[in-house]
Amino acid sequence: MTKTDTDRSEGVLPTPSHTVGPFYGYALPFTGGNDIAPVGHPDTITLRGHVYDGAGDPLPDALVELWGADPDGRVPRVDGSIRRDASTGGHLGRNGVEFTGWGRIQTDAAGHWYARTLRPGARGQSAPYLSVCVFARGLLVHLFTRIYLPGDDAALGADPLLTRIDPARRGTLIAADEGRGTYRFDIRLQGEAETVFLEYR
């Protein structure tokens, strides 16, 4: 049987991406995804905020992933975030002991998210920050950004990434200190005060 041009994969163009949500909400969230710091750790901080769409409405089904160094600036390389029960194959959640530096949080019905973690230490010339990945309805690809924590103006002023961003928009990457180890960081996908998003190549 002779193949026609339409049968040959070389002549087929890639299809466009589909939106990334809200389908991920079924399997990706896991118990304890927001408890990044070991339970009872004395240096735990809380990050909280909302995810807003371009109209300023909160998104009840967004997913926020966080990665952060430990307080000494080292990237954790330990297991412990998503364990499985060997007999049932079900997720057990975190082991509650190791700091993995990673968390995955689904927003609630009001578009709110929060995570408990450890304040990251500086790495190289960068001011301390947490990396963020956002999944939300209507996005063709997930978005990347950073959360810088206030407290060291000199480090923030010398950070290689922040110095390349328009001063009027830098504040969208710096969390607000609410006291008692709590920081607010709202993520705005579009519109006024849109969060600065990063592109990795």
N, C-alpha and C. Protein backbone atom coordinates (compact mmCIF):
# COMPACT_ATOMS: atom_id res chain seq x y z
N MET A 1 0.85 -1.18 0.00
CA MET A 1 0.00 0.00 0.00
C MET A 1 0.88 1.23 0.00
N THR A 2 0.61 2.16 -0.89
CA THR A 2 1.40 3.38 -1.00
C THR A 2 0.85 4.45 -0.07
N LYS A 3 1.76 5.06 0.70
CA LYS A 3 1.35 6.14 1.61
C LYS A 3 1.24 7.45 0.87
N THR A 4 0.24 8.20 1.18
CA THR A 4 0.10 9.53 0.61
C THR A 4 0.83 10.53 1.50
N ASP A 5 0.94 11.77 1.03
CA ASP A 5 1.62 12.81 1.81
C ASP A 5 0.95 13.04 3.15
N THR A 6 -0.37 12.87 3.20
CA THR A 6 -1.07 13.12 4.46
C THR A 6 -0.79 12.03 5.48
N ASP A 7 -0.26 10.89 5.05
CA ASP A 7 0.05 9.80 5.96
C ASP A 7 1.45 9.94 6.56
N ARG A 8 2.25 10.81 6.03
CA ARG A 8 3.63 10.93 6.47
C ARG A 8 3.75 11.94 7.60
N SER A 9 4.39 11.51 8.69
CA SER A 9 4.52 12.38 9.86
C SER A 9 5.37 13.61 9.57
N GLU A 10 6.27 13.51 8.58
CA GLU A 10 7.14 14.66 8.28
C GLU A 10 6.33 15.86 7.80
N GLY A 11 5.19 15.60 7.20
CA GLY A 11 4.39 16.69 6.66
C GLY A 11 3.35 17.24 7.61
N VAL A 12 3.32 16.70 8.84
CA VAL A 12 2.32 17.12 9.81
C VAL A 12 2.91 18.18 10.74
N LEU A 13 2.22 19.29 10.84
CA LEU A 13 2.69 20.36 11.72
C LEU A 13 2.24 20.08 13.15
N PRO A 14 3.03 20.53 14.14
CA PRO A 14 2.62 20.32 15.53
C PRO A 14 1.33 21.07 15.84
N THR A 15 0.51 20.48 16.66
CA THR A 15 -0.74 21.15 17.06
C THR A 15 -0.46 22.16 18.15
N PRO A 16 -1.29 23.19 18.27
CA PRO A 16 -1.06 24.19 19.32
C PRO A 16 -1.35 23.60 20.71
N SER A 17 -0.78 24.23 21.73
CA SER A 17 -1.00 23.79 23.09
C SER A 17 -2.45 23.98 23.49
N HIS A 18 -2.90 23.14 24.40
CA HIS A 18 -4.21 23.32 24.99
C HIS A 18 -4.03 24.08 26.30
N THR A 19 -5.10 24.62 26.81
CA THR A 19 -4.99 25.29 28.10
C THR A 19 -4.59 24.29 29.17
N VAL A 20 -3.89 24.77 30.21
CA VAL A 20 -3.35 23.87 31.22
C VAL A 20 -4.30 23.64 32.37
N GLY A 21 -5.49 24.21 32.34
CA GLY A 21 -6.38 23.98 33.48
C GLY A 21 -7.82 24.12 33.09
N PRO A 22 -8.70 23.74 34.00
CA PRO A 22 -8.44 23.32 35.38
C PRO A 22 -8.27 21.82 35.57
N PHE A 23 -7.89 21.09 34.52
CA PHE A 23 -7.83 19.64 34.56
C PHE A 23 -6.82 19.11 35.58
N TYR A 24 -5.77 19.87 35.84
CA TYR A 24 -4.73 19.41 36.78
C TYR A 24 -5.24 19.28 38.21
N GLY A 25 -6.35 19.92 38.53
CA GLY A 25 -6.84 19.91 39.90
C GLY A 25 -7.22 18.53 40.40
N TYR A 26 -7.40 17.58 39.49
CA TYR A 26 -7.82 16.24 39.90
C TYR A 26 -6.68 15.46 40.56
N ALA A 27 -5.50 15.48 39.98
CA ALA A 27 -4.43 14.59 40.45
C ALA A 27 -3.21 15.30 41.02
N LEU A 28 -2.98 16.53 40.68
CA LEU A 28 -1.72 17.17 41.09
C LEU A 28 -1.68 17.64 42.54
N PRO A 29 -2.74 18.22 43.10
CA PRO A 29 -2.65 18.63 44.51
C PRO A 29 -2.47 17.40 45.41
N PHE A 30 -1.75 17.56 46.51
CA PHE A 30 -1.56 16.44 47.42
C PHE A 30 -1.61 16.95 48.86
N THR A 31 -1.93 16.07 49.77
CA THR A 31 -2.05 16.42 51.18
C THR A 31 -0.74 16.98 51.70
N GLY A 32 -0.81 18.13 52.36
CA GLY A 32 0.39 18.74 52.91
C GLY A 32 1.24 19.48 51.90
N GLY A 33 0.69 19.75 50.74
CA GLY A 33 1.46 20.44 49.70
C GLY A 33 1.93 21.82 50.11
N ASN A 34 1.21 22.44 51.04
CA ASN A 34 1.58 23.78 51.48
C ASN A 34 2.46 23.78 52.73
N ASP A 35 2.69 22.63 53.33
CA ASP A 35 3.54 22.54 54.52
C ASP A 35 4.96 22.15 54.12
N ILE A 36 5.70 23.13 53.59
CA ILE A 36 7.04 22.86 53.09
C ILE A 36 8.03 22.71 54.23
N ALA A 37 7.91 23.53 55.26
CA ALA A 37 8.78 23.42 56.43
C ALA A 37 8.32 22.27 57.30
N PRO A 38 9.24 21.55 57.95
CA PRO A 38 8.83 20.49 58.88
C PRO A 38 7.93 21.06 59.96
N VAL A 39 6.93 20.30 60.34
CA VAL A 39 5.97 20.73 61.36
C VAL A 39 6.69 21.09 62.65
N GLY A 40 6.37 22.27 63.19
CA GLY A 40 6.96 22.70 64.46
C GLY A 40 8.32 23.36 64.34
N HIS A 41 8.85 23.51 63.12
CA HIS A 41 10.16 24.15 62.96
C HIS A 41 10.07 25.59 63.45
N PRO A 42 11.01 26.03 64.30
CA PRO A 42 10.89 27.37 64.91
C PRO A 42 11.08 28.54 63.94
N ASP A 43 11.68 28.30 62.78
CA ASP A 43 11.96 29.39 61.84
C ASP A 43 10.98 29.43 60.67
N THR A 44 9.83 28.79 60.83
CA THR A 44 8.85 28.76 59.75
C THR A 44 8.28 30.15 59.46
N ILE A 45 8.15 30.46 58.18
CA ILE A 45 7.45 31.68 57.76
C ILE A 45 6.22 31.26 56.96
N THR A 46 5.26 32.15 56.87
CA THR A 46 4.05 31.88 56.09
C THR A 46 3.97 32.84 54.92
N LEU A 47 3.77 32.31 53.74
CA LEU A 47 3.52 33.10 52.54
C LEU A 47 2.05 32.91 52.20
N ARG A 48 1.38 34.00 51.86
CA ARG A 48 -0.03 33.88 51.51
C ARG A 48 -0.39 34.94 50.48
N GLY A 49 -1.48 34.69 49.79
CA GLY A 49 -1.93 35.66 48.80
C GLY A 49 -3.09 35.11 48.00
N HIS A 50 -3.42 35.81 46.92
CA HIS A 50 -4.48 35.41 46.01
C HIS A 50 -3.93 35.35 44.60
N VAL A 51 -4.58 34.59 43.75
CA VAL A 51 -4.30 34.61 42.31
C VAL A 51 -5.48 35.28 41.64
N TYR A 52 -5.21 36.35 40.87
CA TYR A 52 -6.27 37.12 40.22
C TYR A 52 -6.14 37.03 38.69
N ASP A 53 -7.26 37.03 38.01
CA ASP A 53 -7.23 37.05 36.55
C ASP A 53 -7.15 38.49 36.04
N GLY A 54 -7.24 38.67 34.72
CA GLY A 54 -7.08 39.99 34.14
C GLY A 54 -8.17 40.97 34.52
N ALA A 55 -9.33 40.47 34.93
CA ALA A 55 -10.42 41.34 35.35
C ALA A 55 -10.36 41.66 36.84
N GLY A 56 -9.35 41.11 37.52
CA GLY A 56 -9.22 41.35 38.95
C GLY A 56 -10.03 40.39 39.80
N ASP A 57 -10.58 39.35 39.18
CA ASP A 57 -11.35 38.36 39.92
C ASP A 57 -10.44 37.24 40.42
N PRO A 58 -10.67 36.74 41.63
CA PRO A 58 -9.84 35.65 42.15
C PRO A 58 -10.13 34.34 41.42
N LEU A 59 -9.10 33.53 41.24
CA LEU A 59 -9.24 32.25 40.56
C LEU A 59 -9.33 31.12 41.58
N PRO A 60 -10.46 30.40 41.61
CA PRO A 60 -10.64 29.36 42.60
C PRO A 60 -9.98 28.03 42.25
N ASP A 61 -9.37 27.93 41.06
CA ASP A 61 -8.80 26.65 40.66
C ASP A 61 -7.40 26.81 40.06
N ALA A 62 -6.65 27.78 40.55
CA ALA A 62 -5.26 27.93 40.12
C ALA A 62 -4.37 27.02 40.96
N LEU A 63 -3.19 26.76 40.46
CA LEU A 63 -2.23 25.92 41.17
C LEU A 63 -0.91 26.69 41.25
N VAL A 64 -0.35 26.78 42.44
CA VAL A 64 0.90 27.51 42.66
C VAL A 64 1.96 26.53 43.15
N GLU A 65 3.10 26.49 42.47
CA GLU A 65 4.22 25.67 42.93
C GLU A 65 5.34 26.59 43.39
N LEU A 66 5.99 26.23 44.49
CA LEU A 66 7.09 27.00 45.05
C LEU A 66 8.33 26.14 45.16
N TRP A 67 9.48 26.74 44.88
CA TRP A 67 10.78 26.11 45.13
C TRP A 67 11.63 27.13 45.85
N GLY A 68 12.36 26.70 46.87
CA GLY A 68 13.22 27.63 47.58
C GLY A 68 14.42 26.94 48.19
N ALA A 69 15.49 27.70 48.30
CA ALA A 69 16.70 27.19 48.97
C ALA A 69 16.45 27.12 50.47
N ASP A 70 17.32 26.42 51.18
CA ASP A 70 17.21 26.39 52.63
C ASP A 70 17.81 27.68 53.20
N PRO A 71 17.75 27.90 54.51
CA PRO A 71 18.26 29.15 55.08
C PRO A 71 19.74 29.40 54.83
N ASP A 72 20.50 28.36 54.47
CA ASP A 72 21.92 28.53 54.16
C ASP A 72 22.16 28.76 52.67
N GLY A 73 21.09 28.85 51.89
CA GLY A 73 21.24 29.10 50.46
C GLY A 73 21.46 27.84 49.64
N ARG A 74 21.34 26.67 50.25
CA ARG A 74 21.53 25.41 49.53
C ARG A 74 20.20 24.90 49.00
N VAL A 75 20.22 24.37 47.78
CA VAL A 75 19.02 23.78 47.20
C VAL A 75 18.87 22.37 47.77
N PRO A 76 17.78 22.08 48.48
CA PRO A 76 17.60 20.74 49.05
C PRO A 76 17.53 19.67 47.97
N ARG A 77 18.14 18.54 48.24
CA ARG A 77 18.11 17.42 47.30
C ARG A 77 17.69 16.15 48.03
N VAL A 78 16.63 16.27 48.82
CA VAL A 78 16.14 15.13 49.59
C VAL A 78 14.74 14.76 49.14
N ASP A 79 14.41 13.50 49.33
CA ASP A 79 13.05 13.04 49.06
C ASP A 79 12.17 13.41 50.25
N GLY A 80 10.92 13.18 50.14
CA GLY A 80 10.05 13.42 51.28
C GLY A 80 8.79 14.20 50.97
N SER A 81 8.65 14.72 49.74
CA SER A 81 7.47 15.52 49.43
C SER A 81 6.26 14.67 49.09
N ILE A 82 6.41 13.79 48.14
CA ILE A 82 5.27 12.98 47.72
C ILE A 82 5.66 11.51 47.88
N ARG A 83 5.28 10.93 49.00
CA ARG A 83 5.55 9.52 49.23
C ARG A 83 4.31 8.70 48.89
N ARG A 84 4.54 7.47 48.50
CA ARG A 84 3.43 6.57 48.17
C ARG A 84 3.39 5.40 49.14
N ASP A 85 2.20 4.94 49.40
CA ASP A 85 2.01 3.74 50.19
C ASP A 85 2.31 2.55 49.29
N ALA A 86 3.31 1.75 49.66
CA ALA A 86 3.73 0.63 48.81
C ALA A 86 2.62 -0.39 48.60
N SER A 87 1.73 -0.54 49.55
CA SER A 87 0.68 -1.56 49.43
C SER A 87 -0.52 -1.09 48.62
N THR A 88 -0.88 0.19 48.72
CA THR A 88 -2.06 0.68 48.01
C THR A 88 -1.73 1.56 46.81
N GLY A 89 -0.50 2.09 46.78
CA GLY A 89 -0.13 3.01 45.71
C GLY A 89 -0.63 4.41 45.93
N GLY A 90 -1.37 4.64 47.03
CA GLY A 90 -1.91 5.96 47.33
C GLY A 90 -0.86 6.92 47.84
N HIS A 91 -1.17 8.21 47.77
CA HIS A 91 -0.24 9.23 48.24
C HIS A 91 -0.32 9.35 49.76
N LEU A 92 0.85 9.40 50.39
CA LEU A 92 0.92 9.57 51.84
C LEU A 92 1.19 11.01 52.23
N GLY A 93 1.58 11.84 51.27
CA GLY A 93 1.95 13.21 51.61
C GLY A 93 3.39 13.28 52.10
N ARG A 94 3.70 14.33 52.82
CA ARG A 94 5.07 14.56 53.28
C ARG A 94 5.42 13.66 54.47
N ASN A 95 6.73 13.50 54.68
CA ASN A 95 7.14 12.72 55.86
C ASN A 95 7.22 13.60 57.10
N GLY A 96 7.12 14.94 56.94
CA GLY A 96 7.08 15.84 58.08
C GLY A 96 8.41 16.09 58.74
N VAL A 97 9.49 15.58 58.16
CA VAL A 97 10.81 15.71 58.78
C VAL A 97 11.78 16.47 57.90
N GLU A 98 11.86 16.09 56.62
CA GLU A 98 12.84 16.69 55.73
C GLU A 98 12.31 17.98 55.09
N PHE A 99 13.21 18.93 54.92
CA PHE A 99 12.86 20.16 54.21
C PHE A 99 13.25 19.97 52.75
N THR A 100 12.24 19.89 51.89
CA THR A 100 12.51 19.69 50.46
C THR A 100 12.57 20.99 49.68
N GLY A 101 12.06 22.06 50.28
CA GLY A 101 12.06 23.34 49.58
C GLY A 101 11.02 23.47 48.50
N TRP A 102 10.14 22.47 48.38
CA TRP A 102 9.17 22.44 47.28
C TRP A 102 7.76 22.26 47.81
N GLY A 103 6.82 22.98 47.21
CA GLY A 103 5.42 22.82 47.59
C GLY A 103 4.50 23.05 46.41
N ARG A 104 3.30 22.48 46.52
CA ARG A 104 2.30 22.66 45.47
C ARG A 104 0.98 22.95 46.17
N ILE A 105 0.38 24.09 45.84
CA ILE A 105 -0.82 24.55 46.53
C ILE A 105 -1.91 24.89 45.53
N GLN A 106 -3.12 24.39 45.76
CA GLN A 106 -4.26 24.77 44.95
C GLN A 106 -4.99 25.90 45.66
N THR A 107 -5.41 26.91 44.91
CA THR A 107 -6.17 28.00 45.52
C THR A 107 -7.53 27.50 45.99
N ASP A 108 -8.06 28.17 47.01
CA ASP A 108 -9.38 27.78 47.51
C ASP A 108 -10.47 28.50 46.72
N ALA A 109 -11.71 28.39 47.17
CA ALA A 109 -12.84 28.97 46.45
C ALA A 109 -12.75 30.49 46.30
N ALA A 110 -11.96 31.12 47.18
CA ALA A 110 -11.78 32.58 47.12
C ALA A 110 -10.50 32.98 46.39
N GLY A 111 -9.83 32.01 45.76
CA GLY A 111 -8.60 32.31 45.05
C GLY A 111 -7.39 32.48 45.95
N HIS A 112 -7.52 32.08 47.22
CA HIS A 112 -6.45 32.27 48.21
C HIS A 112 -5.54 31.05 48.27
N TRP A 113 -4.26 31.30 48.51
CA TRP A 113 -3.29 30.22 48.72
C TRP A 113 -2.38 30.60 49.88
N TYR A 114 -1.78 29.61 50.52
CA TYR A 114 -0.78 29.89 51.54
C TYR A 114 0.18 28.70 51.65
N ALA A 115 1.36 28.99 52.13
CA ALA A 115 2.37 27.95 52.34
C ALA A 115 3.22 28.31 53.54
N ARG A 116 3.64 27.30 54.27
CA ARG A 116 4.58 27.47 55.37
C ARG A 116 5.92 26.89 54.94
N THR A 117 6.95 27.72 54.99
CA THR A 117 8.26 27.28 54.54
C THR A 117 9.33 27.92 55.40
N LEU A 118 10.59 27.76 55.01
CA LEU A 118 11.71 28.42 55.70
C LEU A 118 12.20 29.56 54.83
N ARG A 119 12.63 30.63 55.46
CA ARG A 119 13.15 31.77 54.70
C ARG A 119 14.40 31.33 53.95
N PRO A 120 14.41 31.50 52.64
CA PRO A 120 15.58 31.04 51.87
C PRO A 120 16.79 31.93 52.09
N GLY A 121 17.96 31.32 52.03
CA GLY A 121 19.20 32.08 52.11
C GLY A 121 19.62 32.54 50.72
N ALA A 122 20.56 33.48 50.67
CA ALA A 122 21.03 34.02 49.39
C ALA A 122 21.85 32.97 48.65
N ARG A 123 21.74 33.02 47.32
CA ARG A 123 22.52 32.14 46.46
C ARG A 123 23.27 33.00 45.46
N GLY A 124 24.59 32.96 45.52
CA GLY A 124 25.39 33.77 44.61
C GLY A 124 25.14 35.25 44.82
N GLN A 125 24.95 35.98 43.73
CA GLN A 125 24.74 37.43 43.81
C GLN A 125 23.27 37.80 43.98
N SER A 126 22.38 36.81 43.91
CA SER A 126 20.95 37.10 44.01
C SER A 126 20.52 37.31 45.45
N ALA A 127 19.56 38.19 45.64
CA ALA A 127 18.91 38.33 46.94
C ALA A 127 18.09 37.07 47.17
N PRO A 128 17.81 36.69 48.40
CA PRO A 128 17.00 35.49 48.65
C PRO A 128 15.63 35.57 47.98
N TYR A 129 15.24 34.47 47.35
CA TYR A 129 13.93 34.44 46.68
C TYR A 129 13.42 33.00 46.61
N LEU A 130 12.14 32.89 46.32
CA LEU A 130 11.53 31.60 46.02
C LEU A 130 11.07 31.64 44.56
N SER A 131 11.29 30.55 43.86
CA SER A 131 10.80 30.43 42.49
C SER A 131 9.35 29.99 42.53
N VAL A 132 8.56 30.51 41.58
CA VAL A 132 7.12 30.24 41.55
C VAL A 132 6.72 29.81 40.15
N CYS A 133 5.84 28.81 40.08
CA CYS A 133 5.24 28.40 38.82
C CYS A 133 3.73 28.44 39.02
N VAL A 134 3.01 29.07 38.08
CA VAL A 134 1.57 29.24 38.21
C VAL A 134 0.86 28.53 37.06
N PHE A 135 -0.12 27.70 37.41
CA PHE A 135 -1.00 27.06 36.44
C PHE A 135 -2.39 27.66 36.66
N ALA A 136 -3.09 27.98 35.60
CA ALA A 136 -4.43 28.53 35.76
C ALA A 136 -5.22 28.36 34.47
N ARG A 137 -6.52 28.40 34.61
CA ARG A 137 -7.39 28.27 33.44
C ARG A 137 -7.08 29.35 32.41
N GLY A 138 -7.16 28.99 31.16
CA GLY A 138 -6.94 29.96 30.09
C GLY A 138 -5.49 30.15 29.70
N LEU A 139 -4.55 29.61 30.48
CA LEU A 139 -3.14 29.74 30.13
C LEU A 139 -2.74 28.63 29.17
N LEU A 140 -2.03 29.00 28.12
CA LEU A 140 -1.54 27.98 27.20
C LEU A 140 -0.31 27.29 27.76
N VAL A 141 0.46 28.02 28.51
CA VAL A 141 1.63 27.45 29.20
C VAL A 141 1.66 28.02 30.61
N HIS A 142 2.29 27.30 31.50
CA HIS A 142 2.40 27.80 32.88
C HIS A 142 3.34 29.00 32.93
N LEU A 143 3.23 29.79 33.98
CA LEU A 143 4.00 31.02 34.13
C LEU A 143 5.00 30.90 35.26
N PHE A 144 6.15 31.54 35.08
CA PHE A 144 7.19 31.54 36.10
C PHE A 144 7.39 32.95 36.65
N THR A 145 7.62 33.05 37.94
CA THR A 145 7.96 34.32 38.56
C THR A 145 8.80 34.04 39.80
N ARG A 146 9.04 35.06 40.59
CA ARG A 146 9.81 34.92 41.83
C ARG A 146 9.13 35.68 42.95
N ILE A 147 9.38 35.22 44.17
CA ILE A 147 8.97 35.96 45.36
C ILE A 147 10.23 36.35 46.11
N TYR A 148 10.50 37.64 46.16
CA TYR A 148 11.60 38.14 46.98
C TYR A 148 11.01 38.57 48.32
N LEU A 149 11.75 38.33 49.38
CA LEU A 149 11.28 38.71 50.70
C LEU A 149 11.94 40.01 51.13
N PRO A 150 11.18 40.93 51.71
CA PRO A 150 11.76 42.20 52.15
C PRO A 150 12.64 41.99 53.38
N GLY A 151 13.43 43.02 53.68
CA GLY A 151 14.26 42.94 54.88
C GLY A 151 15.70 43.30 54.65
N ASP A 152 16.19 43.17 53.41
CA ASP A 152 17.57 43.53 53.09
C ASP A 152 17.55 44.39 51.83
N ASP A 153 17.40 45.70 52.02
CA ASP A 153 17.28 46.61 50.89
C ASP A 153 18.52 46.61 50.01
N ALA A 154 19.71 46.45 50.63
CA ALA A 154 20.95 46.45 49.84
C ALA A 154 20.98 45.25 48.90
N ALA A 155 20.59 44.07 49.40
CA ALA A 155 20.60 42.87 48.56
C ALA A 155 19.56 42.99 47.44
N LEU A 156 18.38 43.51 47.76
CA LEU A 156 17.35 43.68 46.74
C LEU A 156 17.79 44.69 45.69
N GLY A 157 18.46 45.75 46.12
CA GLY A 157 18.91 46.78 45.20
C GLY A 157 20.02 46.33 44.28
N ALA A 158 20.74 45.25 44.67
CA ALA A 158 21.85 44.75 43.86
C ALA A 158 21.50 43.47 43.12
N ASP A 159 20.30 42.97 43.29
CA ASP A 159 19.93 41.70 42.67
C ASP A 159 19.98 41.83 41.14
N PRO A 160 20.67 40.90 40.45
CA PRO A 160 20.83 41.01 39.00
C PRO A 160 19.51 41.02 38.22
N LEU A 161 18.51 40.30 38.70
CA LEU A 161 17.23 40.29 37.99
C LEU A 161 16.43 41.55 38.28
N LEU A 162 16.31 41.92 39.53
CA LEU A 162 15.51 43.09 39.89
C LEU A 162 16.04 44.37 39.24
N THR A 163 17.35 44.48 39.11
CA THR A 163 17.93 45.70 38.52
C THR A 163 17.61 45.82 37.03
N ARG A 164 17.19 44.73 36.39
CA ARG A 164 16.85 44.78 34.96
C ARG A 164 15.37 45.06 34.72
N ILE A 165 14.59 45.13 35.79
CA ILE A 165 13.15 45.34 35.66
C ILE A 165 12.81 46.80 35.90
N ASP A 166 11.85 47.31 35.15
CA ASP A 166 11.37 48.68 35.32
C ASP A 166 11.07 48.91 36.80
N PRO A 167 11.65 49.97 37.39
CA PRO A 167 11.42 50.23 38.82
C PRO A 167 9.95 50.27 39.22
N ALA A 168 9.09 50.70 38.30
CA ALA A 168 7.67 50.78 38.61
C ALA A 168 7.03 49.41 38.76
N ARG A 169 7.70 48.36 38.25
CA ARG A 169 7.13 47.01 38.30
C ARG A 169 7.86 46.08 39.25
N ARG A 170 8.99 46.51 39.79
CA ARG A 170 9.76 45.62 40.68
C ARG A 170 8.95 45.17 41.89
N GLY A 171 8.09 46.03 42.37
CA GLY A 171 7.31 45.71 43.56
C GLY A 171 6.41 44.50 43.40
N THR A 172 6.10 44.13 42.14
CA THR A 172 5.24 42.97 41.94
C THR A 172 5.96 41.67 42.26
N LEU A 173 7.27 41.74 42.48
CA LEU A 173 8.06 40.55 42.82
C LEU A 173 8.47 40.52 44.29
N ILE A 174 8.13 41.55 45.03
CA ILE A 174 8.56 41.63 46.43
C ILE A 174 7.33 41.48 47.34
N ALA A 175 7.37 40.49 48.21
CA ALA A 175 6.25 40.24 49.12
C ALA A 175 6.14 41.36 50.14
N ALA A 176 4.95 41.54 50.66
CA ALA A 176 4.70 42.55 51.70
C ALA A 176 4.81 41.88 53.06
N ASP A 177 5.57 42.50 53.96
CA ASP A 177 5.75 41.96 55.31
C ASP A 177 4.52 42.32 56.14
N GLU A 178 3.80 41.31 56.60
CA GLU A 178 2.61 41.54 57.42
C GLU A 178 2.90 41.32 58.90
N GLY A 179 4.16 41.09 59.24
CA GLY A 179 4.54 40.89 60.63
C GLY A 179 4.36 39.45 61.09
N ARG A 180 5.04 39.12 62.18
CA ARG A 180 4.97 37.78 62.78
C ARG A 180 5.32 36.68 61.80
N GLY A 181 6.29 36.95 60.94
CA GLY A 181 6.75 35.93 60.00
C GLY A 181 5.77 35.61 58.89
N THR A 182 4.86 36.54 58.58
CA THR A 182 3.89 36.33 57.51
C THR A 182 4.11 37.35 56.40
N TYR A 183 4.09 36.87 55.15
CA TYR A 183 4.32 37.72 53.98
C TYR A 183 3.19 37.50 52.98
N ARG A 184 2.75 38.60 52.39
CA ARG A 184 1.66 38.52 51.39
C ARG A 184 2.24 38.70 50.00
N PHE A 185 1.82 37.83 49.10
CA PHE A 185 2.25 37.91 47.71
C PHE A 185 1.07 37.54 46.81
N ASP A 186 0.45 38.55 46.23
CA ASP A 186 -0.65 38.32 45.30
C ASP A 186 -0.09 38.16 43.89
N ILE A 187 -0.69 37.25 43.13
CA ILE A 187 -0.26 36.99 41.76
C ILE A 187 -1.36 37.48 40.83
N ARG A 188 -1.03 38.45 40.00
CA ARG A 188 -1.99 39.02 39.06
C ARG A 188 -1.56 38.62 37.65
N LEU A 189 -2.41 37.86 36.99
CA LEU A 189 -2.05 37.29 35.69
C LEU A 189 -2.04 38.31 34.57
N GLN A 190 -2.87 39.35 34.68
CA GLN A 190 -2.94 40.41 33.66
C GLN A 190 -3.44 41.68 34.31
N GLY A 191 -3.50 42.72 33.50
CA GLY A 191 -4.14 43.95 33.94
C GLY A 191 -3.27 44.82 34.81
N GLU A 192 -3.93 45.69 35.57
CA GLU A 192 -3.22 46.64 36.42
C GLU A 192 -2.40 45.89 37.47
N ALA A 193 -1.17 46.33 37.66
CA ALA A 193 -0.24 45.72 38.62
C ALA A 193 0.04 44.25 38.29
N GLU A 194 0.01 43.90 36.99
CA GLU A 194 0.32 42.53 36.58
C GLU A 194 1.69 42.12 37.14
N THR A 195 1.75 40.91 37.66
CA THR A 195 3.00 40.36 38.18
C THR A 195 4.01 40.23 37.04
N VAL A 196 5.26 40.51 37.31
CA VAL A 196 6.31 40.29 36.33
C VAL A 196 6.54 38.78 36.19
N PHE A 197 6.43 38.27 34.97
CA PHE A 197 6.67 36.86 34.72
C PHE A 197 7.95 36.70 33.93
N LEU A 198 8.61 35.57 34.11
CA LEU A 198 9.92 35.32 33.54
C LEU A 198 9.84 34.31 32.40
N GLU A 199 10.73 34.45 31.46
CA GLU A 199 10.81 33.48 30.36
C GLU A 199 12.19 32.86 30.39
N TYR A 200 12.24 31.55 30.46
CA TYR A 200 13.52 30.83 30.48
C TYR A 200 13.78 30.27 29.10
N ARG A 201 15.02 30.45 28.63
CA ARG A 201 15.38 29.96 27.30
C ARG A 201 16.53 28.99 27.38
